[in-house]
């Protein structure tokens, strides 16, 4: 299923101008059919899922305790 820039803007709660800017910057893949840009919704959803997964992995990594180094000497 393909979305127009207007539909994608509504789906993401963004302005249509920002969507077009991201398309021009090649940050969003789109197909131009001669009249409008079309974005594959499934590809876009897959990308969003991958971004969320990366965010989760980063949070897990941040929350891991730092192991004590055997080389650290106690100053007391």
N, C-alpha and C. Protein backbone atom coordinates (compact mmCIF):
# COMPACT_ATOMS: atom_id res chain seq x y z
N UNK A 1 0.84 -1.18 0.00
CA UNK A 1 0.00 0.00 0.00
C UNK A 1 0.89 1.24 0.00
N UNK A 2 0.57 2.16 -0.86
CA UNK A 2 1.34 3.39 -0.97
C UNK A 2 0.56 4.56 -0.39
N UNK A 3 1.29 5.48 0.22
CA UNK A 3 0.71 6.68 0.79
C UNK A 3 1.21 7.90 0.02
N UNK A 4 0.36 8.88 -0.11
CA UNK A 4 0.80 10.15 -0.68
C UNK A 4 1.51 10.94 0.41
N UNK A 5 2.15 12.01 0.04
CA UNK A 5 2.84 12.82 1.05
C UNK A 5 1.84 13.40 2.04
N UNK A 6 0.67 13.73 1.57
CA UNK A 6 -0.38 14.27 2.46
C UNK A 6 -0.82 13.22 3.47
N UNK A 7 -1.03 11.99 3.00
CA UNK A 7 -1.45 10.91 3.89
C UNK A 7 -0.35 10.57 4.90
N UNK A 8 0.91 10.55 4.43
CA UNK A 8 2.02 10.26 5.32
C UNK A 8 2.17 11.36 6.37
N UNK A 9 1.98 12.59 5.97
CA UNK A 9 2.06 13.70 6.91
C UNK A 9 1.01 13.55 8.01
N UNK A 10 -0.19 13.16 7.63
CA UNK A 10 -1.25 12.94 8.62
C UNK A 10 -0.92 11.73 9.50
N UNK A 11 -0.38 10.68 8.89
CA UNK A 11 -0.02 9.45 9.62
C UNK A 11 1.05 9.73 10.67
N UNK A 12 2.03 10.58 10.33
CA UNK A 12 3.13 10.90 11.24
C UNK A 12 2.91 12.16 12.05
N UNK A 13 1.81 12.84 11.80
CA UNK A 13 1.50 14.11 12.46
C UNK A 13 2.63 15.12 12.23
N UNK A 14 2.99 15.26 10.96
CA UNK A 14 4.02 16.20 10.53
C UNK A 14 3.44 17.05 9.39
N UNK A 15 4.15 18.09 9.03
CA UNK A 15 3.69 18.90 7.91
C UNK A 15 4.08 18.23 6.59
N UNK A 16 3.28 18.48 5.58
CA UNK A 16 3.57 17.91 4.26
C UNK A 16 4.87 18.48 3.70
N UNK A 17 5.17 19.75 4.01
CA UNK A 17 6.41 20.38 3.55
C UNK A 17 7.63 19.65 4.12
N UNK A 18 7.55 19.25 5.39
CA UNK A 18 8.66 18.53 6.01
C UNK A 18 8.84 17.16 5.35
N UNK A 19 7.74 16.49 5.04
CA UNK A 19 7.81 15.20 4.36
C UNK A 19 8.50 15.37 3.00
N UNK A 20 8.10 16.39 2.25
CA UNK A 20 8.73 16.66 0.95
C UNK A 20 10.21 16.97 1.09
N UNK A 21 10.56 17.74 2.10
CA UNK A 21 11.96 18.07 2.34
C UNK A 21 12.76 16.79 2.62
N UNK A 22 12.21 15.89 3.43
CA UNK A 22 12.89 14.63 3.74
C UNK A 22 13.03 13.76 2.50
N UNK A 23 12.05 13.81 1.62
CA UNK A 23 12.14 13.07 0.35
C UNK A 23 13.25 13.66 -0.51
N UNK A 24 13.30 14.98 -0.62
CA UNK A 24 14.34 15.63 -1.43
C UNK A 24 15.73 15.35 -0.89
N UNK A 25 15.86 15.20 0.44
CA UNK A 25 17.14 14.92 1.08
C UNK A 25 17.46 13.42 1.08
N UNK A 26 16.60 12.63 0.44
CA UNK A 26 16.75 11.17 0.37
C UNK A 26 16.72 10.50 1.73
N UNK A 27 16.01 11.09 2.68
CA UNK A 27 15.85 10.48 3.99
C UNK A 27 14.59 9.62 4.05
N UNK A 28 13.69 9.83 3.11
CA UNK A 28 12.51 8.99 2.94
C UNK A 28 12.49 8.55 1.48
N UNK A 29 12.39 7.24 1.28
CA UNK A 29 12.30 6.72 -0.09
C UNK A 29 10.90 6.95 -0.62
N UNK A 30 10.84 7.39 -1.85
CA UNK A 30 9.55 7.65 -2.48
C UNK A 30 9.66 7.42 -3.98
N UNK A 31 8.50 7.16 -4.57
CA UNK A 31 8.40 6.97 -6.01
C UNK A 31 7.57 8.13 -6.54
N UNK A 32 8.04 8.74 -7.61
CA UNK A 32 7.27 9.83 -8.22
C UNK A 32 6.53 9.27 -9.42
N UNK A 33 5.21 9.39 -9.43
CA UNK A 33 4.41 8.82 -10.52
C UNK A 33 4.09 9.85 -11.60
N UNK A 34 4.79 10.97 -11.58
CA UNK A 34 4.56 12.02 -12.55
C UNK A 34 3.73 13.17 -12.00
N UNK A 35 2.94 12.87 -10.97
CA UNK A 35 2.10 13.91 -10.36
C UNK A 35 2.41 14.10 -8.88
N UNK A 36 2.72 13.01 -8.21
CA UNK A 36 2.93 13.09 -6.77
C UNK A 36 3.93 12.03 -6.32
N UNK A 37 4.43 12.21 -5.11
CA UNK A 37 5.32 11.21 -4.53
C UNK A 37 4.49 10.19 -3.78
N UNK A 38 4.89 8.93 -3.89
CA UNK A 38 4.23 7.84 -3.20
C UNK A 38 5.26 7.12 -2.33
N UNK A 39 4.86 6.81 -1.10
CA UNK A 39 5.74 6.17 -0.14
C UNK A 39 5.14 4.83 0.23
N UNK A 40 5.96 3.77 0.17
CA UNK A 40 5.51 2.44 0.54
C UNK A 40 5.33 2.38 2.05
N UNK A 41 4.10 2.18 2.50
CA UNK A 41 3.80 2.21 3.92
C UNK A 41 4.49 1.07 4.67
N UNK A 42 4.54 -0.11 4.08
CA UNK A 42 5.14 -1.26 4.76
C UNK A 42 6.64 -1.04 4.97
N UNK A 43 7.33 -0.52 3.96
CA UNK A 43 8.75 -0.22 4.13
C UNK A 43 8.95 0.80 5.24
N UNK A 44 8.08 1.77 5.27
CA UNK A 44 8.19 2.82 6.27
C UNK A 44 7.94 2.25 7.66
N UNK A 45 6.94 1.38 7.80
CA UNK A 45 6.66 0.76 9.09
C UNK A 45 7.83 -0.11 9.55
N UNK A 46 8.44 -0.84 8.62
CA UNK A 46 9.60 -1.67 8.95
C UNK A 46 10.74 -0.80 9.47
N UNK A 47 10.96 0.33 8.83
CA UNK A 47 12.01 1.25 9.27
C UNK A 47 11.73 1.74 10.68
N UNK A 48 10.49 2.12 10.96
CA UNK A 48 10.13 2.61 12.29
C UNK A 48 10.34 1.53 13.34
N UNK A 49 10.01 0.27 13.02
CA UNK A 49 10.22 -0.84 13.95
C UNK A 49 11.71 -1.02 14.23
N UNK A 50 12.54 -0.91 13.19
CA UNK A 50 13.98 -1.06 13.37
C UNK A 50 14.54 0.06 14.23
N UNK A 51 14.05 1.28 14.03
CA UNK A 51 14.51 2.42 14.83
C UNK A 51 14.14 2.19 16.29
N UNK A 52 12.93 1.72 16.55
CA UNK A 52 12.50 1.45 17.93
C UNK A 52 13.37 0.36 18.56
N UNK A 53 13.69 -0.67 17.79
CA UNK A 53 14.53 -1.76 18.30
C UNK A 53 15.92 -1.23 18.67
N UNK A 54 16.48 -0.39 17.82
CA UNK A 54 17.80 0.20 18.12
C UNK A 54 17.73 1.05 19.38
N UNK A 55 16.66 1.82 19.53
CA UNK A 55 16.51 2.64 20.74
C UNK A 55 16.45 1.76 21.99
N UNK A 56 15.73 0.64 21.91
CA UNK A 56 15.66 -0.29 23.04
C UNK A 56 17.03 -0.87 23.36
N UNK A 57 17.78 -1.26 22.33
CA UNK A 57 19.11 -1.82 22.55
C UNK A 57 20.05 -0.80 23.18
N UNK A 58 19.95 0.44 22.77
CA UNK A 58 20.78 1.50 23.34
C UNK A 58 20.43 1.71 24.81
N UNK A 59 19.13 1.70 25.12
CA UNK A 59 18.71 1.86 26.51
C UNK A 59 19.21 0.70 27.37
N UNK A 60 19.14 -0.53 26.85
CA UNK A 60 19.65 -1.68 27.59
C UNK A 60 21.14 -1.52 27.85
N UNK A 61 21.87 -1.09 26.83
CA UNK A 61 23.31 -0.91 26.96
C UNK A 61 23.63 0.17 27.99
N UNK A 62 22.85 1.27 27.98
CA UNK A 62 23.07 2.35 28.94
C UNK A 62 22.82 1.90 30.37
N UNK A 63 21.87 0.99 30.56
CA UNK A 63 21.48 0.56 31.90
C UNK A 63 22.33 -0.59 32.45
N UNK A 64 23.24 -1.13 31.64
CA UNK A 64 24.11 -2.19 32.13
C UNK A 64 25.10 -1.61 33.14
N UNK A 65 25.33 -2.32 34.24
CA UNK A 65 26.30 -1.80 35.21
C UNK A 65 27.71 -1.89 34.64
N UNK A 66 28.53 -0.96 35.05
CA UNK A 66 29.91 -0.95 34.59
C UNK A 66 30.68 -1.94 35.45
N UNK A 67 31.32 -2.92 34.82
CA UNK A 67 32.07 -3.90 35.61
C UNK A 67 33.28 -3.27 36.28
N UNK A 68 33.57 -3.77 37.47
CA UNK A 68 34.73 -3.24 38.18
C UNK A 68 36.00 -3.74 37.51
N UNK A 69 36.95 -2.87 37.38
CA UNK A 69 38.20 -3.22 36.76
C UNK A 69 39.14 -3.80 37.82
N UNK A 70 39.78 -4.90 37.52
CA UNK A 70 40.72 -5.46 38.50
C UNK A 70 41.98 -4.58 38.66
N UNK A 71 42.19 -3.65 37.76
CA UNK A 71 43.38 -2.79 37.83
C UNK A 71 43.18 -1.55 38.69
N UNK A 72 41.94 -1.31 39.14
CA UNK A 72 41.67 -0.13 39.94
C UNK A 72 42.19 -0.36 41.35
N UNK A 73 42.97 0.58 41.85
CA UNK A 73 43.54 0.45 43.19
C UNK A 73 42.76 1.32 44.16
N UNK A 74 42.52 0.81 45.33
CA UNK A 74 41.81 1.56 46.36
C UNK A 74 42.78 2.55 46.99
N UNK A 75 42.44 3.82 47.02
CA UNK A 75 43.33 4.85 47.52
C UNK A 75 43.34 4.94 49.05
N UNK A 76 42.38 4.35 49.70
CA UNK A 76 42.30 4.46 51.17
C UNK A 76 43.29 3.63 51.86
